[in-house]
Amino acid sequence: MLAACSINAVLGLGQAYRFGSPEPGKIADLIVIDRDFVELAGRGDAVLAWTTRVQATIFDGAVVFKSQE
């Protein structure tokens, strides 16, 4: 799911040189979450996946949201 929304999407558009993975020189908007979502997906733990909380959002290189928790 994560790859489908990131690197695979831009590969299909031929834009991987600009977007899709966190590397120097690439454009990236991202979120910071409170748990290891990849591990939850591997366990099939849908309950914890649905309760994952965003801790911060970075858009165009600037923090636009930071959780107060």
N, C-alpha and C. Protein backbone atom coordinates (compact mmCIF):
# COMPACT_ATOMS: atom_id res chain seq x y z
N MET A 1 0.82 -1.17 0.00
CA MET A 1 0.00 0.00 0.00
C MET A 1 0.87 1.25 0.00
N LEU A 2 1.89 1.27 0.85
CA LEU A 2 2.76 2.45 0.91
C LEU A 2 3.50 2.65 -0.40
N ALA A 3 4.01 1.58 -0.98
CA ALA A 3 4.71 1.69 -2.27
C ALA A 3 3.75 2.13 -3.37
N ALA A 4 2.51 1.67 -3.32
CA ALA A 4 1.54 2.05 -4.34
C ALA A 4 1.25 3.55 -4.30
N CYS A 5 1.31 4.13 -3.12
CA CYS A 5 1.03 5.56 -2.96
C CYS A 5 2.27 6.43 -3.10
N SER A 6 3.41 5.83 -3.24
CA SER A 6 4.63 6.63 -3.30
C SER A 6 5.44 6.29 -4.55
N ILE A 7 6.42 5.44 -4.42
CA ILE A 7 7.36 5.20 -5.51
C ILE A 7 6.69 4.57 -6.74
N ASN A 8 5.77 3.62 -6.55
CA ASN A 8 5.14 2.98 -7.71
C ASN A 8 4.28 3.96 -8.50
N ALA A 9 3.63 4.88 -7.81
CA ALA A 9 2.81 5.87 -8.51
C ALA A 9 3.66 6.76 -9.40
N VAL A 10 4.79 7.23 -8.90
CA VAL A 10 5.62 8.11 -9.73
C VAL A 10 6.39 7.35 -10.79
N LEU A 11 6.69 6.08 -10.54
CA LEU A 11 7.31 5.27 -11.59
C LEU A 11 6.37 5.15 -12.79
N GLY A 12 5.10 4.95 -12.52
CA GLY A 12 4.11 4.85 -13.59
C GLY A 12 3.97 6.14 -14.38
N LEU A 13 4.23 7.26 -13.73
CA LEU A 13 4.15 8.56 -14.40
C LEU A 13 5.49 8.99 -14.99
N GLY A 14 6.54 8.19 -14.77
CA GLY A 14 7.86 8.55 -15.26
C GLY A 14 8.47 9.72 -14.53
N GLN A 15 8.13 9.89 -13.26
CA GLN A 15 8.58 11.03 -12.48
C GLN A 15 9.46 10.65 -11.29
N ALA A 16 10.00 9.43 -11.27
CA ALA A 16 10.77 8.96 -10.11
C ALA A 16 12.03 9.78 -9.87
N TYR A 17 12.51 10.48 -10.88
CA TYR A 17 13.69 11.33 -10.69
C TYR A 17 13.35 12.57 -9.86
N ARG A 18 12.05 12.88 -9.71
CA ARG A 18 11.62 14.07 -8.96
C ARG A 18 10.91 13.77 -7.65
N PHE A 19 10.16 12.66 -7.60
CA PHE A 19 9.26 12.37 -6.48
C PHE A 19 9.36 10.91 -6.06
N GLY A 20 8.68 10.54 -4.95
CA GLY A 20 8.40 9.15 -4.62
C GLY A 20 9.27 8.49 -3.59
N SER A 21 10.43 9.07 -3.30
CA SER A 21 11.29 8.48 -2.27
C SER A 21 12.07 9.61 -1.59
N PRO A 22 12.37 9.43 -0.31
CA PRO A 22 13.06 10.50 0.44
C PRO A 22 14.57 10.51 0.13
N GLU A 23 14.96 11.30 -0.85
CA GLU A 23 16.36 11.42 -1.24
C GLU A 23 16.71 12.88 -1.47
N PRO A 24 17.97 13.24 -1.25
CA PRO A 24 18.37 14.62 -1.51
C PRO A 24 18.06 15.04 -2.94
N GLY A 25 17.51 16.24 -3.07
CA GLY A 25 17.20 16.78 -4.38
C GLY A 25 15.81 16.45 -4.89
N LYS A 26 15.08 15.57 -4.20
CA LYS A 26 13.73 15.22 -4.62
C LYS A 26 12.71 16.05 -3.85
N ILE A 27 11.57 16.24 -4.46
CA ILE A 27 10.46 16.94 -3.82
C ILE A 27 9.69 15.91 -2.99
N ALA A 28 9.44 16.23 -1.72
CA ALA A 28 8.75 15.27 -0.87
C ALA A 28 7.85 15.97 0.13
N ASP A 29 6.61 15.55 0.18
CA ASP A 29 5.69 15.90 1.24
C ASP A 29 5.51 14.62 2.03
N LEU A 30 5.54 14.71 3.35
CA LEU A 30 5.45 13.49 4.13
C LEU A 30 4.81 13.72 5.48
N ILE A 31 4.47 12.59 6.10
CA ILE A 31 3.92 12.63 7.45
C ILE A 31 4.81 11.80 8.37
N VAL A 32 4.77 12.14 9.65
CA VAL A 32 5.45 11.37 10.69
C VAL A 32 4.33 10.75 11.53
N ILE A 33 4.37 9.43 11.68
CA ILE A 33 3.32 8.75 12.43
C ILE A 33 3.87 8.16 13.72
N ASP A 34 2.96 7.75 14.60
CA ASP A 34 3.35 7.34 15.95
C ASP A 34 3.70 5.86 16.10
N ARG A 35 3.78 5.12 15.00
CA ARG A 35 4.16 3.71 15.08
C ARG A 35 4.71 3.24 13.75
N ASP A 36 5.25 2.04 13.76
CA ASP A 36 5.83 1.44 12.57
C ASP A 36 4.71 0.82 11.73
N PHE A 37 4.24 1.57 10.76
CA PHE A 37 3.10 1.14 9.96
C PHE A 37 3.43 -0.08 9.11
N VAL A 38 4.66 -0.20 8.66
CA VAL A 38 5.07 -1.35 7.86
C VAL A 38 4.97 -2.63 8.68
N GLU A 39 5.40 -2.56 9.94
CA GLU A 39 5.30 -3.74 10.81
C GLU A 39 3.84 -4.11 11.06
N LEU A 40 2.98 -3.12 11.27
CA LEU A 40 1.56 -3.41 11.48
C LEU A 40 0.96 -4.09 10.27
N ALA A 41 1.31 -3.61 9.09
CA ALA A 41 0.79 -4.22 7.86
C ALA A 41 1.26 -5.66 7.74
N GLY A 42 2.51 -5.92 8.10
CA GLY A 42 3.04 -7.28 8.05
C GLY A 42 2.32 -8.22 9.01
N ARG A 43 1.88 -7.68 10.14
CA ARG A 43 1.14 -8.50 11.12
C ARG A 43 -0.33 -8.60 10.77
N GLY A 44 -0.80 -7.75 9.86
CA GLY A 44 -2.22 -7.73 9.54
C GLY A 44 -3.05 -7.13 10.66
N ASP A 45 -2.46 -6.23 11.43
CA ASP A 45 -3.13 -5.64 12.59
C ASP A 45 -3.92 -4.40 12.17
N ALA A 46 -5.11 -4.63 11.65
CA ALA A 46 -5.94 -3.54 11.13
C ALA A 46 -6.39 -2.59 12.23
N VAL A 47 -6.62 -3.09 13.44
CA VAL A 47 -7.08 -2.22 14.53
C VAL A 47 -6.03 -1.17 14.85
N LEU A 48 -4.78 -1.59 15.03
CA LEU A 48 -3.73 -0.62 15.31
C LEU A 48 -3.46 0.26 14.11
N ALA A 49 -3.59 -0.29 12.91
CA ALA A 49 -3.38 0.53 11.71
C ALA A 49 -4.39 1.67 11.66
N TRP A 50 -5.64 1.38 11.97
CA TRP A 50 -6.68 2.42 11.91
C TRP A 50 -6.55 3.45 13.02
N THR A 51 -5.84 3.12 14.08
CA THR A 51 -5.69 4.08 15.18
C THR A 51 -4.35 4.81 15.13
N THR A 52 -3.59 4.62 14.07
CA THR A 52 -2.31 5.32 13.90
C THR A 52 -2.58 6.82 13.84
N ARG A 53 -1.74 7.60 14.55
CA ARG A 53 -1.94 9.04 14.61
C ARG A 53 -0.78 9.77 13.95
N VAL A 54 -1.11 10.82 13.23
CA VAL A 54 -0.10 11.65 12.58
C VAL A 54 0.51 12.56 13.64
N GLN A 55 1.84 12.57 13.72
CA GLN A 55 2.56 13.42 14.67
C GLN A 55 3.01 14.73 14.03
N ALA A 56 3.30 14.69 12.73
CA ALA A 56 3.72 15.90 12.02
C ALA A 56 3.47 15.72 10.53
N THR A 57 3.27 16.85 9.85
CA THR A 57 3.12 16.86 8.40
C THR A 57 4.11 17.87 7.84
N ILE A 58 4.86 17.45 6.83
CA ILE A 58 5.83 18.32 6.17
C ILE A 58 5.37 18.49 4.73
N PHE A 59 5.17 19.73 4.32
CA PHE A 59 4.69 20.05 2.98
C PHE A 59 5.61 21.08 2.37
N ASP A 60 6.14 20.76 1.21
CA ASP A 60 7.03 21.67 0.49
C ASP A 60 8.20 22.12 1.37
N GLY A 61 8.71 21.18 2.18
CA GLY A 61 9.87 21.44 3.01
C GLY A 61 9.61 22.14 4.34
N ALA A 62 8.35 22.46 4.63
CA ALA A 62 8.03 23.16 5.88
C ALA A 62 7.08 22.31 6.73
N VAL A 63 7.28 22.33 8.04
CA VAL A 63 6.38 21.64 8.96
C VAL A 63 5.09 22.47 9.01
N VAL A 64 4.00 21.89 8.54
CA VAL A 64 2.71 22.60 8.53
C VAL A 64 1.77 22.10 9.61
N PHE A 65 2.12 20.97 10.23
CA PHE A 65 1.32 20.47 11.34
C PHE A 65 2.26 19.74 12.29
N LYS A 66 2.09 19.98 13.59
CA LYS A 66 2.82 19.24 14.61
C LYS A 66 1.86 18.95 15.75
N SER A 67 1.74 17.66 16.10
CA SER A 67 0.83 17.25 17.16
C SER A 67 1.23 17.88 18.48
N GLN A 68 0.23 18.17 19.29
CA GLN A 68 0.46 18.75 20.62
C GLN A 68 0.65 17.67 21.68
N GLU A 69 0.54 16.40 21.28
CA GLU A 69 0.66 15.28 22.24
C GLU A 69 2.09 15.03 22.59
